Amino acid sequence: MNLKILAGLLPLLLLSVSVWLMSKPDSQGAPSNDGTPATPTAEVGPSALESKIVEAYNAFDFGKIFVLPAGPKGLEYSAVARGFDGKKVRLAGSMVRHLHEDASLFILADQPMSLNVAEYGLADSLPPNAVHVILPVLPGMAPDWVRQPMVIYGTLELGPREEKDGRISQVRLHADHITAADGRTVIEPRRSILLQPARLRSGKL
């Protein structure tokens, strides 16, 4: 009898241990009662970017991506953006609350916003200067919504590219570091997929 009970509990025990191990590197804390992930816990000390790293990235902002106001040719990259193409920049913004099929990226905008792809598809209110932030892929992990503003340090890439969701990105930032709004305190936007109920329900793994 006891052996049968142990045999039935063993798979559940192994699954629990796996989830715990995968969630250890995660710095966002447990989800709230409504399924919304908590704001990540900022790390200090050794996880703060050194000044020499910060200074290696050119200051950039959303207002410098396109020529404003748009002319007869529509949106055109500004001279500043073209000059930074392929170079290291730092850009402050807010992560768009949006489930994306690609576990290697999230969208950054100049203000907090949410997208409902299931309801509106690509007919949404995403601004044209939104930036697709590209991250190295970690097995079993994917970006999860971070409530707090952040600063992305990475290499700027301009030009149209079709993404997995069918959207055409115009600006991408290949991230090296991500910090809180103070520009120094490192945060990790990726969490275990098993700890993202909304992603599991949607099937966007």
C-alpha atoms as a PDB file:
ATOM      1  CA  MET A   1       0.000   0.000   0.000  1.00  0.00           C
ATOM      2  CA  ASN A   2       2.716   2.454   1.030  1.00  0.00           C
ATOM      3  CA  LEU A   3       4.763   1.680  -2.085  1.00  0.00           C
ATOM      4  CA  LYS A   4       1.770   2.428  -4.337  1.00  0.00           C
ATOM      5  CA  ILE A   5       1.203   5.775  -2.625  1.00  0.00           C
ATOM      6  CA  LEU A   6       4.877   6.697  -2.962  1.00  0.00           C
ATOM      7  CA  ALA A   7       4.871   5.687  -6.626  1.00  0.00           C
ATOM      8  CA  GLY A   8       1.888   7.985  -7.248  1.00  0.00           C
ATOM      9  CA  LEU A   9       3.441  10.937  -5.429  1.00  0.00           C
ATOM     10  CA  LEU A  10       6.884  10.678  -7.027  1.00  0.00           C
ATOM     11  CA  PRO A  11       5.966  12.384 -10.366  1.00  0.00           C
ATOM     12  CA  LEU A  12       4.347  15.287  -8.484  1.00  0.00           C
ATOM     13  CA  LEU A  13       7.394  15.637  -6.270  1.00  0.00           C
ATOM     14  CA  LEU A  14       9.748  15.702  -9.274  1.00  0.00           C
ATOM     15  CA  LEU A  15       7.580  18.316 -11.033  1.00  0.00           C
ATOM     16  CA  SER A  16       7.556  20.527  -7.930  1.00  0.00           C
ATOM     17  CA  VAL A  17      11.343  20.334  -7.606  1.00  0.00           C
ATOM     18  CA  SER A  18      11.763  21.180 -11.322  1.00  0.00           C
ATOM     19  CA  VAL A  19       9.543  24.252 -11.041  1.00  0.00           C
ATOM     20  CA  TRP A  20      11.428  25.399  -7.936  1.00  0.00           C
ATOM     21  CA  LEU A  21      14.822  25.007  -9.612  1.00  0.00           C
ATOM     22  CA  MET A  22      13.724  26.841 -12.768  1.00  0.00           C
ATOM     23  CA  SER A  23      12.331  29.715 -10.748  1.00  0.00           C
ATOM     24  CA  LYS A  24      15.424  30.293  -8.570  1.00  0.00           C
ATOM     25  CA  PRO A  25      17.161  32.736 -11.004  1.00  0.00           C
ATOM     26  CA  ASP A  26      13.916  34.660 -11.361  1.00  0.00           C
ATOM     27  CA  SER A  27      13.952  38.071  -9.706  1.00  0.00           C
ATOM     28  CA  GLN A  28      10.319  39.045 -10.242  1.00  0.00           C
ATOM     29  CA  GLY A  29       8.873  37.280  -7.221  1.00  0.00           C
ATOM     30  CA  ALA A  30       5.621  35.364  -7.024  1.00  0.00           C
ATOM     31  CA  PRO A  31       2.570  36.301  -9.132  1.00  0.00           C
ATOM     32  CA  SER A  32      -0.143  38.291  -7.437  1.00  0.00           C
ATOM     33  CA  ASN A  33      -3.585  36.842  -6.734  1.00  0.00           C
ATOM     34  CA  ASP A  34      -4.910  37.992 -10.105  1.00  0.00           C
ATOM     35  CA  GLY A  35      -2.141  36.250 -12.008  1.00  0.00           C
ATOM     36  CA  THR A  36      -0.189  39.457 -12.593  1.00  0.00           C
ATOM     37  CA  PRO A  37       3.524  39.005 -11.862  1.00  0.00           C
ATOM     38  CA  ALA A  38       4.855  41.114  -9.075  1.00  0.00           C
ATOM     39  CA  THR A  39       7.259  43.925  -9.819  1.00  0.00           C
ATOM     40  CA  PRO A  40      10.762  42.436  -9.921  1.00  0.00           C
ATOM     41  CA  THR A  41      12.875  42.761  -6.851  1.00  0.00           C
ATOM     42  CA  ALA A  42      15.727  45.092  -7.701  1.00  0.00           C
ATOM     43  CA  GLU A  43      19.153  43.650  -7.014  1.00  0.00           C
ATOM     44  CA  VAL A  44      21.906  45.790  -5.522  1.00  0.00           C
ATOM     45  CA  GLY A  45      25.623  45.559  -4.881  1.00  0.00           C
ATOM     46  CA  PRO A  46      27.359  43.323  -7.441  1.00  0.00           C
ATOM     47  CA  SER A  47      24.287  43.524  -9.733  1.00  0.00           C
ATOM     48  CA  ALA A  48      24.554  47.290 -10.190  1.00  0.00           C
ATOM     49  CA  LEU A  49      26.075  48.362 -13.512  1.00  0.00           C
ATOM     50  CA  GLU A  50      29.440  50.017 -13.194  1.00  0.00           C
ATOM     51  CA  SER A  51      29.811  53.587 -14.393  1.00  0.00           C
ATOM     52  CA  LYS A  52      32.215  52.582 -17.153  1.00  0.00           C
ATOM     53  CA  ILE A  53      29.568  50.232 -18.578  1.00  0.00           C
ATOM     54  CA  VAL A  54      26.864  52.903 -18.465  1.00  0.00           C
ATOM     55  CA  GLU A  55      29.118  55.430 -20.176  1.00  0.00           C
ATOM     56  CA  ALA A  56      29.862  53.011 -23.022  1.00  0.00           C
ATOM     57  CA  TYR A  57      26.254  53.396 -24.277  1.00  0.00           C
ATOM     58  CA  ASN A  58      25.019  56.517 -26.059  1.00  0.00           C
ATOM     59  CA  ALA A  59      21.928  58.191 -24.586  1.00  0.00           C
ATOM     60  CA  PHE A  60      18.954  57.735 -26.927  1.00  0.00           C
ATOM     61  CA  ASP A  61      15.218  58.348 -26.662  1.00  0.00           C
ATOM     62  CA  PHE A  62      12.002  57.572 -28.518  1.00  0.00           C
ATOM     63  CA  GLY A  63      11.627  61.109 -29.819  1.00  0.00           C
ATOM     64  CA  LYS A  64      14.841  60.737 -31.827  1.00  0.00           C
ATOM     65  CA  ILE A  65      13.847  57.587 -33.746  1.00  0.00           C
ATOM     66  CA  PHE A  66      11.875  59.276 -36.545  1.00  0.00           C
ATOM     67  CA  VAL A  67      11.842  62.738 -38.104  1.00  0.00           C
ATOM     68  CA  LEU A  68       8.960  64.666 -36.556  1.00  0.00           C
ATOM     69  CA  PRO A  69       6.567  65.784 -37.835  1.00  0.00           C
ATOM     70  CA  ALA A  70       6.352  63.187 -40.599  1.00  0.00           C
ATOM     71  CA  GLY A  71       6.771  64.574 -44.117  1.00  0.00           C
ATOM     72  CA  PRO A  72       5.220  63.576 -47.477  1.00  0.00           C
ATOM     73  CA  LYS A  73       7.290  60.366 -47.500  1.00  0.00           C
ATOM     74  CA  GLY A  74       5.846  59.246 -44.186  1.00  0.00           C
ATOM     75  CA  LEU A  75       8.014  58.244 -41.259  1.00  0.00           C
ATOM     76  CA  GLU A  76      11.744  58.477 -41.874  1.00  0.00           C
ATOM     77  CA  TYR A  77      14.564  57.629 -39.502  1.00  0.00           C
ATOM     78  CA  SER A  78      16.186  60.697 -38.021  1.00  0.00           C
ATOM     79  CA  ALA A  79      19.841  61.525 -38.614  1.00  0.00           C
ATOM     80  CA  VAL A  80      20.520  60.705 -34.942  1.00  0.00           C
ATOM     81  CA  ALA A  81      18.936  57.235 -35.275  1.00  0.00           C
ATOM     82  CA  ARG A  82      20.817  56.490 -38.491  1.00  0.00           C
ATOM     83  CA  GLY A  83      24.043  57.569 -36.818  1.00  0.00           C
ATOM     84  CA  PHE A  84      23.424  55.143 -33.945  1.00  0.00           C
ATOM     85  CA  ASP A  85      22.407  52.207 -36.162  1.00  0.00           C
ATOM     86  CA  GLY A  86      24.633  49.255 -35.208  1.00  0.00           C
ATOM     87  CA  LYS A  87      26.014  51.100 -32.178  1.00  0.00           C
ATOM     88  CA  LYS A  88      25.505  50.799 -28.433  1.00  0.00           C
ATOM     89  CA  VAL A  89      22.702  52.938 -26.979  1.00  0.00           C
ATOM     90  CA  ARG A  90      20.677  53.152 -23.782  1.00  0.00           C
ATOM     91  CA  LEU A  91      16.937  53.716 -24.001  1.00  0.00           C
ATOM     92  CA  ALA A  92      14.442  54.269 -21.173  1.00  0.00           C
ATOM     93  CA  GLY A  93      10.827  53.131 -21.451  1.00  0.00           C
ATOM     94  CA  SER A  94       8.141  50.739 -20.245  1.00  0.00           C
ATOM     95  CA  MET A  95       7.550  47.136 -21.270  1.00  0.00           C
ATOM     96  CA  VAL A  96       4.310  46.747 -23.225  1.00  0.00           C
ATOM     97  CA  ARG A  97       1.980  44.267 -21.538  1.00  0.00           C
ATOM     98  CA  HIS A  98       1.698  41.836 -24.406  1.00  0.00           C
ATOM     99  CA  LEU A  99       1.999  38.069 -24.870  1.00  0.00           C
ATOM    100  CA  HIS A 100       4.401  37.367 -27.714  1.00  0.00           C
ATOM    101  CA  GLU A 101       5.040  34.035 -29.409  1.00  0.00           C
ATOM    102  CA  ASP A 102       8.761  34.761 -29.582  1.00  0.00           C
ATOM    103  CA  ALA A 103      10.387  33.955 -26.232  1.00  0.00           C
ATOM    104  CA  SER A 104      13.406  36.059 -27.191  1.00  0.00           C
ATOM    105  CA  LEU A 105      11.796  39.485 -27.223  1.00  0.00           C
ATOM    106  CA  PHE A 106       9.401  42.003 -25.740  1.00  0.00           C
ATOM    107  CA  ILE A 107       8.169  45.403 -26.879  1.00  0.00           C
ATOM    108  CA  LEU A 108       9.254  48.668 -25.276  1.00  0.00           C
ATOM    109  CA  ALA A 109       7.272  51.911 -25.535  1.00  0.00           C
ATOM    110  CA  ASP A 110       7.755  55.409 -24.191  1.00  0.00           C
ATOM    111  CA  GLN A 111       4.783  55.002 -21.832  1.00  0.00           C
ATOM    112  CA  PRO A 112       2.957  52.089 -20.136  1.00  0.00           C
ATOM    113  CA  MET A 113       0.421  50.325 -22.345  1.00  0.00           C
ATOM    114  CA  SER A 114      -1.246  46.967 -22.992  1.00  0.00           C
ATOM    115  CA  LEU A 115      -2.025  45.132 -26.223  1.00  0.00           C
ATOM    116  CA  ASN A 116      -4.857  42.639 -26.657  1.00  0.00           C
ATOM    117  CA  VAL A 117      -3.899  40.614 -29.720  1.00  0.00           C
ATOM    118  CA  ALA A 118      -6.741  38.132 -29.233  1.00  0.00           C
ATOM    119  CA  GLU A 119      -9.278  40.967 -29.380  1.00  0.00           C
ATOM    120  CA  TYR A 120      -7.749  43.380 -31.900  1.00  0.00           C
ATOM    121  CA  GLY A 121      -5.034  41.462 -33.754  1.00  0.00           C
ATOM    122  CA  LEU A 122      -2.505  43.873 -35.228  1.00  0.00           C
ATOM    123  CA  ALA A 123      -5.118  46.667 -35.373  1.00  0.00           C
ATOM    124  CA  ASP A 124      -3.934  48.007 -32.048  1.00  0.00           C
ATOM    125  CA  SER A 125      -2.600  51.251 -30.649  1.00  0.00           C
ATOM    126  CA  LEU A 126       1.103  50.360 -30.621  1.00  0.00           C
ATOM    127  CA  PRO A 127       3.004  53.549 -31.522  1.00  0.00           C
ATOM    128  CA  PRO A 128       5.233  53.421 -34.620  1.00  0.00           C
ATOM    129  CA  ASN A 129       8.318  54.225 -32.560  1.00  0.00           C
ATOM    130  CA  ALA A 130       7.869  51.161 -30.327  1.00  0.00           C
ATOM    131  CA  VAL A 131      11.080  49.172 -30.014  1.00  0.00           C
ATOM    132  CA  HIS A 132      11.418  45.376 -30.123  1.00  0.00           C
ATOM    133  CA  VAL A 133      13.936  44.375 -27.457  1.00  0.00           C
ATOM    134  CA  ILE A 134      15.836  41.188 -28.332  1.00  0.00           C
ATOM    135  CA  LEU A 135      17.178  38.964 -25.549  1.00  0.00           C
ATOM    136  CA  PRO A 136      19.293  35.797 -25.551  1.00  0.00           C
ATOM    137  CA  VAL A 137      17.028  32.753 -25.290  1.00  0.00           C
ATOM    138  CA  LEU A 138      17.138  30.835 -22.008  1.00  0.00           C
ATOM    139  CA  PRO A 139      15.600  27.315 -22.041  1.00  0.00           C
ATOM    140  CA  GLY A 140      12.244  27.235 -20.280  1.00  0.00           C
ATOM    141  CA  MET A 141      12.227  31.027 -19.820  1.00  0.00           C
ATOM    142  CA  ALA A 142      10.438  33.901 -21.554  1.00  0.00           C
ATOM    143  CA  PRO A 143       9.947  37.620 -20.910  1.00  0.00           C
ATOM    144  CA  ASP A 144       7.118  38.379 -18.497  1.00  0.00           C
ATOM    145  CA  TRP A 145       5.507  41.747 -17.969  1.00  0.00           C
ATOM    146  CA  VAL A 146       7.499  44.077 -15.718  1.00  0.00           C
ATOM    147  CA  ARG A 147       5.443  46.879 -14.219  1.00  0.00           C
ATOM    148  CA  GLN A 148       8.264  49.290 -13.440  1.00  0.00           C
ATOM    149  CA  PRO A 149       9.997  51.535 -16.027  1.00  0.00           C
ATOM    150  CA  MET A 150      13.349  50.259 -17.237  1.00  0.00           C
ATOM    151  CA  VAL A 151      16.458  51.191 -19.184  1.00  0.00           C
ATOM    152  CA  ILE A 152      17.714  48.936 -21.979  1.00  0.00           C
ATOM    153  CA  TYR A 153      21.412  48.873 -22.846  1.00  0.00           C
ATOM    154  CA  GLY A 154      22.112  47.286 -26.211  1.00  0.00           C
ATOM    155  CA  THR A 155      22.899  47.554 -29.914  1.00  0.00           C
ATOM    156  CA  LEU A 156      20.453  49.477 -32.091  1.00  0.00           C
ATOM    157  CA  GLU A 157      19.186  47.932 -35.335  1.00  0.00           C
ATOM    158  CA  LEU A 158      17.038  49.799 -37.864  1.00  0.00           C
ATOM    159  CA  GLY A 159      15.053  48.501 -40.807  1.00  0.00           C
ATOM    160  CA  PRO A 160      11.854  46.516 -41.389  1.00  0.00           C
ATOM    161  CA  ARG A 161      11.730  42.899 -40.197  1.00  0.00           C
ATOM    162  CA  GLU A 162       8.736  40.583 -39.916  1.00  0.00           C
ATOM    163  CA  GLU A 163       8.306  39.106 -36.455  1.00  0.00           C
ATOM    164  CA  LYS A 164       6.700  35.812 -35.471  1.00  0.00           C
ATOM    165  CA  ASP A 165       3.370  37.479 -34.733  1.00  0.00           C
ATOM    166  CA  GLY A 166       3.259  39.003 -38.218  1.00  0.00           C
ATOM    167  CA  ARG A 167       4.106  42.486 -37.017  1.00  0.00           C
ATOM    168  CA  ILE A 168       6.784  44.409 -38.937  1.00  0.00           C
ATOM    169  CA  SER A 169       9.290  45.821 -36.488  1.00  0.00           C
ATOM    170  CA  GLN A 170      11.124  48.970 -37.570  1.00  0.00           C
ATOM    171  CA  VAL A 171      13.471  49.391 -34.611  1.00  0.00           C
ATOM    172  CA  ARG A 172      15.163  46.662 -32.572  1.00  0.00           C
ATOM    173  CA  LEU A 173      17.488  46.817 -29.613  1.00  0.00           C
ATOM    174  CA  HIS A 174      19.668  43.777 -28.931  1.00  0.00           C
ATOM    175  CA  ALA A 175      19.896  43.964 -25.149  1.00  0.00           C
ATOM    176  CA  ASP A 176      23.122  43.517 -23.207  1.00  0.00           C
ATOM    177  CA  HIS A 177      21.800  44.812 -19.871  1.00  0.00           C
ATOM    178  CA  ILE A 178      18.414  45.806 -18.441  1.00  0.00           C
ATOM    179  CA  THR A 179      18.115  48.010 -15.388  1.00  0.00           C
ATOM    180  CA  ALA A 180      15.484  49.778 -13.336  1.00  0.00           C
ATOM    181  CA  ALA A 181      14.736  53.417 -14.092  1.00  0.00           C
ATOM    182  CA  ASP A 182      17.772  54.496 -12.046  1.00  0.00           C
ATOM    183  CA  GLY A 183      19.901  53.214 -14.929  1.00  0.00           C
ATOM    184  CA  ARG A 184      22.093  51.144 -12.635  1.00  0.00           C
ATOM    185  CA  THR A 185      20.140  48.438 -10.748  1.00  0.00           C
ATOM    186  CA  VAL A 186      20.009  45.286 -12.877  1.00  0.00           C
ATOM    187  CA  ILE A 187      16.658  43.515 -13.319  1.00  0.00           C
ATOM    188  CA  GLU A 188      15.757  40.261 -15.091  1.00  0.00           C
ATOM    189  CA  PRO A 189      12.563  40.362 -17.197  1.00  0.00           C
ATOM    190  CA  ARG A 190      12.580  36.637 -17.993  1.00  0.00           C
ATOM    191  CA  ARG A 191      10.701  34.129 -15.849  1.00  0.00           C
ATOM    192  CA  SER A 192      10.056  30.420 -15.995  1.00  0.00           C
ATOM    193  CA  ILE A 193       7.272  29.713 -18.488  1.00  0.00           C
ATOM    194  CA  LEU A 194       5.733  27.379 -15.903  1.00  0.00           C
ATOM    195  CA  LEU A 195       5.223  30.408 -13.650  1.00  0.00           C
ATOM    196  CA  GLN A 196       3.392  32.424 -16.322  1.00  0.00           C
ATOM    197  CA  PRO A 197      -0.275  31.298 -16.209  1.00  0.00           C
ATOM    198  CA  ALA A 198      -1.377  33.722 -18.924  1.00  0.00           C
ATOM    199  CA  ARG A 199       1.291  32.445 -21.326  1.00  0.00           C
ATOM    200  CA  LEU A 200       0.405  28.823 -20.576  1.00  0.00           C
ATOM    201  CA  ARG A 201      -3.294  29.499 -21.190  1.00  0.00           C
ATOM    202  CA  SER A 202      -2.613  31.293 -24.463  1.00  0.00           C
ATOM    203  CA  GLY A 203      -0.224  28.642 -25.783  1.00  0.00           C
ATOM    204  CA  LYS A 204       2.366  31.329 -26.664  1.00  0.00           C
ATOM    205  CA  LEU A 205       5.342  29.391 -25.357  1.00  0.00           C
END
